[in-house]
Amino acid sequence: MNLWSSPWMVAVLLNGTLALLAWFSPQQALTRAGLVHAAILGILVWGGLGWRGYVVVAAYFLVGTAVTRLGRALKEAKGIAEKRGGARGPENVWGSALTGAVCAVGFAIGGQPWWWLGYCASFAAKLADTVSSEVGKAYGRRTFLVTTWQAVPPGTEGAVSLEGSLAGIAAALLLSGLGTVLGGKDALWWLICGGSGILATFGESWLGVWQERIPGLTNERVNAIQTTVAALLAIGIALGIKIQ
């Protein structure tokens, strides 16, 4: 194979170029350190899954960044806006995408089709989490803890709202739909992918209730657990019913 046509060489050149351009641009979606780590993630994704995997993670990043800015003034006034104006650092990059990166590398090594399912399910879950949280904080009329259904202020860890939950479900299904189309899969694959992402997201809300009571359980670690659960659930169902 020609070195210059290798997926990994393309991945390095593409992500290096994009990172360099973003470094000198006024973009505010990533910190400088976050930009470097995002480039590493991009290399792993493109090298392992090619342009299709890259489109999925790019869609997650673009939608997630846009929804973080919804109602920013209101969220800042309430003190529940994302820190650094929503700019993602290394901890955010890997908390959201470590599972996806593992799936991409797994596909590169083994080539099993269920790695693609796990990859898409992990990002469907994380996008659902981001969208439900940001929409809920900006537009949620009533917010409840998932463990007791007690009314709590927007932005409370483990809280959900009807508006945010519906938006999150839609986000998971849409990103799963993108993965379905790109992977040439069918409706059952889409339902498994989206359903796993949605279930993991509701599980993440439950875990968030206990976050302050468990030492070391940061938001980023909760995100990593959520995306891992989504990927494992989707892969387990697919292997159990023997679909590709």
Protein backbone atom coordinates (compact mmCIF):
# COMPACT_ATOMS: atom_id res chain seq x y z
CA MET A 1 0.00 0.00 0.00
CA ASN A 2 1.20 3.49 -0.85
CA LEU A 3 2.04 5.25 2.42
CA TRP A 4 0.43 8.48 1.26
CA SER A 5 -2.86 6.73 0.51
CA SER A 6 -2.96 4.91 3.85
CA PRO A 7 -6.04 5.83 5.95
CA TRP A 8 -3.76 6.63 8.86
CA MET A 9 -1.62 9.01 6.81
CA VAL A 10 -4.75 10.71 5.48
CA ALA A 11 -6.00 10.93 9.07
CA VAL A 12 -2.81 12.61 10.29
CA LEU A 13 -2.66 15.07 7.40
CA LEU A 14 -6.36 15.96 7.57
CA ASN A 15 -6.57 16.40 11.31
CA GLY A 16 -3.22 18.15 11.53
CA THR A 17 -4.34 20.66 8.92
CA LEU A 18 -7.71 21.24 10.58
CA ALA A 19 -6.11 21.64 14.00
CA LEU A 20 -3.62 24.15 12.63
CA LEU A 21 -6.37 26.20 10.98
CA ALA A 22 -8.50 26.11 14.14
CA TRP A 23 -5.49 27.08 16.29
CA PHE A 24 -5.22 30.44 14.52
CA SER A 25 -8.96 30.97 14.12
CA PRO A 26 -11.35 32.71 16.55
CA GLN A 27 -13.22 29.46 17.23
CA GLN A 28 -14.47 29.08 20.79
CA ALA A 29 -15.73 25.49 20.71
CA LEU A 30 -12.44 24.01 22.00
CA THR A 31 -9.68 25.20 24.28
CA ARG A 32 -6.12 25.01 22.91
CA ALA A 33 -5.48 21.79 24.79
CA GLY A 34 -8.90 20.49 23.78
CA LEU A 35 -8.05 21.19 20.15
CA VAL A 36 -4.92 19.03 20.32
CA HIS A 37 -6.82 16.16 21.91
CA ALA A 38 -9.67 16.51 19.41
CA ALA A 39 -7.11 16.16 16.62
CA ILE A 40 -5.83 12.93 18.20
CA LEU A 41 -9.41 11.68 18.40
CA GLY A 42 -9.96 12.60 14.76
CA ILE A 43 -6.89 10.63 13.73
CA LEU A 44 -8.12 7.53 15.56
CA VAL A 45 -11.60 7.84 14.08
CA TRP A 46 -10.53 8.42 10.48
CA GLY A 47 -7.77 5.82 10.69
CA GLY A 48 -10.13 3.21 12.10
CA LEU A 49 -13.45 3.93 10.41
CA GLY A 50 -12.65 6.29 7.54
CA TRP A 51 -14.76 9.22 6.43
CA ARG A 52 -18.03 7.63 7.61
CA GLY A 53 -16.89 7.56 11.21
CA TYR A 54 -15.60 11.08 10.83
CA VAL A 55 -18.98 12.33 9.60
CA VAL A 56 -20.70 10.85 12.66
CA VAL A 57 -18.33 12.44 15.18
CA ALA A 58 -18.40 15.74 13.26
CA ALA A 59 -22.22 15.74 13.36
CA TYR A 60 -22.12 15.07 17.10
CA PHE A 61 -19.63 17.89 17.66
CA LEU A 62 -21.44 20.45 15.50
CA VAL A 63 -24.90 19.77 16.94
CA GLY A 64 -23.56 19.54 20.49
CA THR A 65 -21.70 22.84 20.14
CA ALA A 66 -24.73 24.59 18.65
CA VAL A 67 -27.16 23.38 21.30
CA THR A 68 -24.79 24.44 24.09
CA ARG A 69 -25.28 28.02 22.91
CA LEU A 70 -29.07 27.87 23.08
CA GLY A 71 -30.37 30.36 25.60
CA ARG A 72 -26.82 31.09 26.75
CA ALA A 73 -27.69 34.46 28.32
CA LEU A 74 -30.49 32.91 30.36
CA LYS A 75 -28.33 29.99 31.48
CA GLU A 76 -25.47 32.31 32.42
CA ALA A 77 -27.87 34.46 34.44
CA LYS A 78 -29.00 31.36 36.34
CA GLY A 79 -25.42 30.16 36.80
CA ILE A 80 -26.04 26.88 34.98
CA ALA A 81 -24.20 27.55 31.71
CA GLU A 82 -21.26 25.37 30.68
CA LYS A 83 -17.93 26.59 32.01
CA ARG A 84 -15.52 28.45 29.70
CA GLY A 85 -18.48 29.55 27.58
CA GLY A 86 -18.96 25.96 26.42
CA ALA A 87 -15.39 25.51 25.16
CA ARG A 88 -14.40 21.85 25.47
CA GLY A 89 -11.12 20.81 27.07
CA PRO A 90 -9.29 17.44 26.94
CA GLU A 91 -11.40 16.04 29.77
CA ASN A 92 -14.57 16.79 27.78
CA VAL A 93 -13.17 15.32 24.57
CA TRP A 94 -12.26 11.97 26.13
CA GLY A 95 -15.18 11.83 28.53
CA SER A 96 -17.47 12.04 25.51
CA ALA A 97 -15.47 10.13 22.92
CA LEU A 98 -13.11 7.61 24.54
CA THR A 99 -15.59 4.80 23.95
CA GLY A 100 -16.01 5.84 20.33
CA ALA A 101 -12.24 5.97 19.86
CA VAL A 102 -11.90 2.44 21.28
CA CYS A 103 -14.59 1.22 18.87
CA ALA A 104 -12.81 2.87 15.92
CA VAL A 105 -9.48 1.23 16.82
CA GLY A 106 -11.27 -2.07 17.44
CA PHE A 107 -12.74 -1.95 13.95
CA ALA A 108 -9.31 -1.19 12.48
CA ILE A 109 -7.83 -4.23 14.24
CA GLY A 110 -10.62 -6.78 13.89
CA GLY A 111 -13.03 -5.43 11.29
CA GLN A 112 -16.12 -6.81 13.03
CA PRO A 113 -19.25 -4.86 12.00
CA TRP A 114 -20.52 -4.55 15.53
CA TRP A 115 -17.72 -2.06 16.29
CA TRP A 116 -19.56 0.37 14.02
CA LEU A 117 -22.75 -0.18 16.00
CA GLY A 118 -20.99 0.44 19.31
CA TYR A 119 -19.34 3.55 17.90
CA CYS A 120 -22.61 5.08 16.69
CA ALA A 121 -24.50 4.12 19.85
CA SER A 122 -21.88 5.82 22.04
CA PHE A 123 -22.22 9.11 20.19
CA ALA A 124 -26.01 8.81 20.00
CA ALA A 125 -26.03 8.54 23.79
CA LYS A 126 -23.69 11.47 24.32
CA LEU A 127 -25.57 13.70 21.90
CA ALA A 128 -28.85 12.81 23.59
CA ASP A 129 -27.30 13.75 26.94
CA THR A 130 -25.98 17.07 25.66
CA VAL A 131 -29.17 18.04 23.84
CA SER A 132 -31.52 17.02 26.66
CA SER A 133 -29.42 18.88 29.23
CA GLU A 134 -29.01 22.10 27.24
CA VAL A 135 -32.59 22.24 25.97
CA GLY A 136 -33.89 21.42 29.43
CA LYS A 137 -31.83 24.16 31.07
CA ALA A 138 -32.91 26.72 28.49
CA TYR A 139 -36.54 25.79 27.85
CA GLY A 140 -37.63 23.19 30.40
CA ARG A 141 -40.74 24.33 32.26
CA ARG A 142 -40.52 21.80 35.08
CA THR A 143 -37.49 19.76 36.10
CA PHE A 144 -37.54 16.57 38.20
CA LEU A 145 -35.05 14.17 39.75
CA VAL A 146 -35.29 10.79 38.03
CA THR A 147 -35.03 8.89 41.33
CA THR A 148 -37.83 10.59 43.28
CA TRP A 149 -39.61 12.78 40.69
CA GLN A 150 -39.18 15.66 43.10
CA ALA A 151 -39.26 19.09 41.45
CA VAL A 152 -35.77 20.67 41.42
CA PRO A 153 -34.18 23.74 39.80
CA PRO A 154 -32.92 23.44 36.18
CA GLY A 155 -29.28 22.40 36.02
CA THR A 156 -29.49 20.05 39.02
CA GLU A 157 -27.42 16.89 38.49
CA GLY A 158 -29.68 13.98 37.57
CA ALA A 159 -32.64 16.20 36.74
CA VAL A 160 -34.80 15.80 33.63
CA SER A 161 -37.52 17.81 31.92
CA LEU A 162 -40.11 16.80 29.36
CA GLU A 163 -38.80 19.29 26.81
CA GLY A 164 -35.20 18.22 27.28
CA SER A 165 -36.00 14.51 27.27
CA LEU A 166 -37.97 14.71 24.01
CA ALA A 167 -35.19 16.72 22.38
CA GLY A 168 -32.61 14.19 23.57
CA ILE A 169 -34.58 11.24 22.22
CA ALA A 170 -34.89 12.98 18.84
CA ALA A 171 -31.15 13.71 18.81
CA ALA A 172 -30.26 10.08 19.53
CA LEU A 173 -32.56 8.79 16.81
CA LEU A 174 -31.29 11.31 14.27
CA LEU A 175 -27.62 10.53 14.88
CA SER A 176 -28.42 6.81 14.82
CA GLY A 177 -30.21 7.41 11.52
CA LEU A 178 -27.09 9.02 10.13
CA GLY A 179 -25.01 6.03 11.22
CA THR A 180 -27.59 3.67 9.72
CA VAL A 181 -27.47 5.37 6.32
CA LEU A 182 -23.68 5.68 6.26
CA GLY A 183 -23.23 2.06 7.27
CA GLY A 184 -25.85 0.73 4.85
CA LYS A 185 -27.87 -0.79 7.71
CA ASP A 186 -31.59 -1.42 8.22
CA ALA A 187 -34.35 -0.15 10.49
CA LEU A 188 -33.70 -2.80 13.16
CA TRP A 189 -30.08 -1.71 13.41
CA TRP A 190 -31.26 1.91 13.75
CA LEU A 191 -33.66 1.02 16.56
CA ILE A 192 -30.98 -0.91 18.46
CA CYS A 193 -28.49 1.91 18.08
CA GLY A 194 -30.89 4.69 19.00
CA GLY A 195 -32.63 2.72 21.73
CA SER A 196 -29.34 1.83 23.41
CA GLY A 197 -28.28 5.47 23.33
CA ILE A 198 -31.59 6.60 24.85
CA LEU A 199 -31.54 3.98 27.62
CA ALA A 200 -27.94 4.82 28.51
CA THR A 201 -28.86 8.51 28.67
CA PHE A 202 -31.64 7.92 31.17
CA GLY A 203 -29.23 5.75 33.13
CA GLU A 204 -26.77 8.63 33.12
CA SER A 205 -29.40 10.89 34.67
CA TRP A 206 -29.93 8.35 37.45
CA LEU A 207 -26.18 8.10 38.04
CA GLY A 208 -25.95 11.89 38.10
CA VAL A 209 -28.17 11.98 41.19
CA TRP A 210 -25.47 10.09 43.10
CA GLN A 211 -22.56 11.98 41.60
CA GLU A 212 -21.89 14.25 44.56
CA ARG A 213 -22.03 11.30 46.95
CA ILE A 214 -19.40 9.21 45.16
CA PRO A 215 -15.83 10.57 45.47
CA GLY A 216 -14.10 11.04 42.14
CA LEU A 217 -17.24 10.62 40.05
CA THR A 218 -16.83 13.66 37.81
CA ASN A 219 -19.08 14.67 34.92
CA GLU A 220 -16.48 13.38 32.48
CA ARG A 221 -16.36 9.97 34.14
CA VAL A 222 -20.14 9.78 34.17
CA ASN A 223 -20.07 10.55 30.44
CA ALA A 224 -17.52 7.81 29.86
CA ILE A 225 -19.69 5.32 31.76
CA GLN A 226 -22.78 6.39 29.81
CA THR A 227 -21.18 6.01 26.38
CA THR A 228 -19.63 2.67 27.34
CA VAL A 229 -22.98 1.34 28.52
CA ALA A 230 -24.62 2.46 25.27
CA ALA A 231 -21.97 0.76 23.15
CA LEU A 232 -21.99 -2.48 25.16
CA LEU A 233 -25.78 -2.62 25.23
CA ALA A 234 -26.05 -2.14 21.46
CA ILE A 235 -23.31 -4.67 20.72
CA GLY A 236 -24.79 -7.18 23.18
CA ILE A 237 -28.23 -6.98 21.61
CA ALA A 238 -26.79 -7.27 18.09
CA LEU A 239 -24.73 -10.34 18.99
CA GLY A 240 -27.65 -11.84 20.86
CA ILE A 241 -30.02 -11.68 17.90
CA LYS A 242 -27.23 -12.21 15.37
CA ILE A 243 -27.50 -9.11 13.24
CA GLN A 244 -24.65 -7.34 11.51
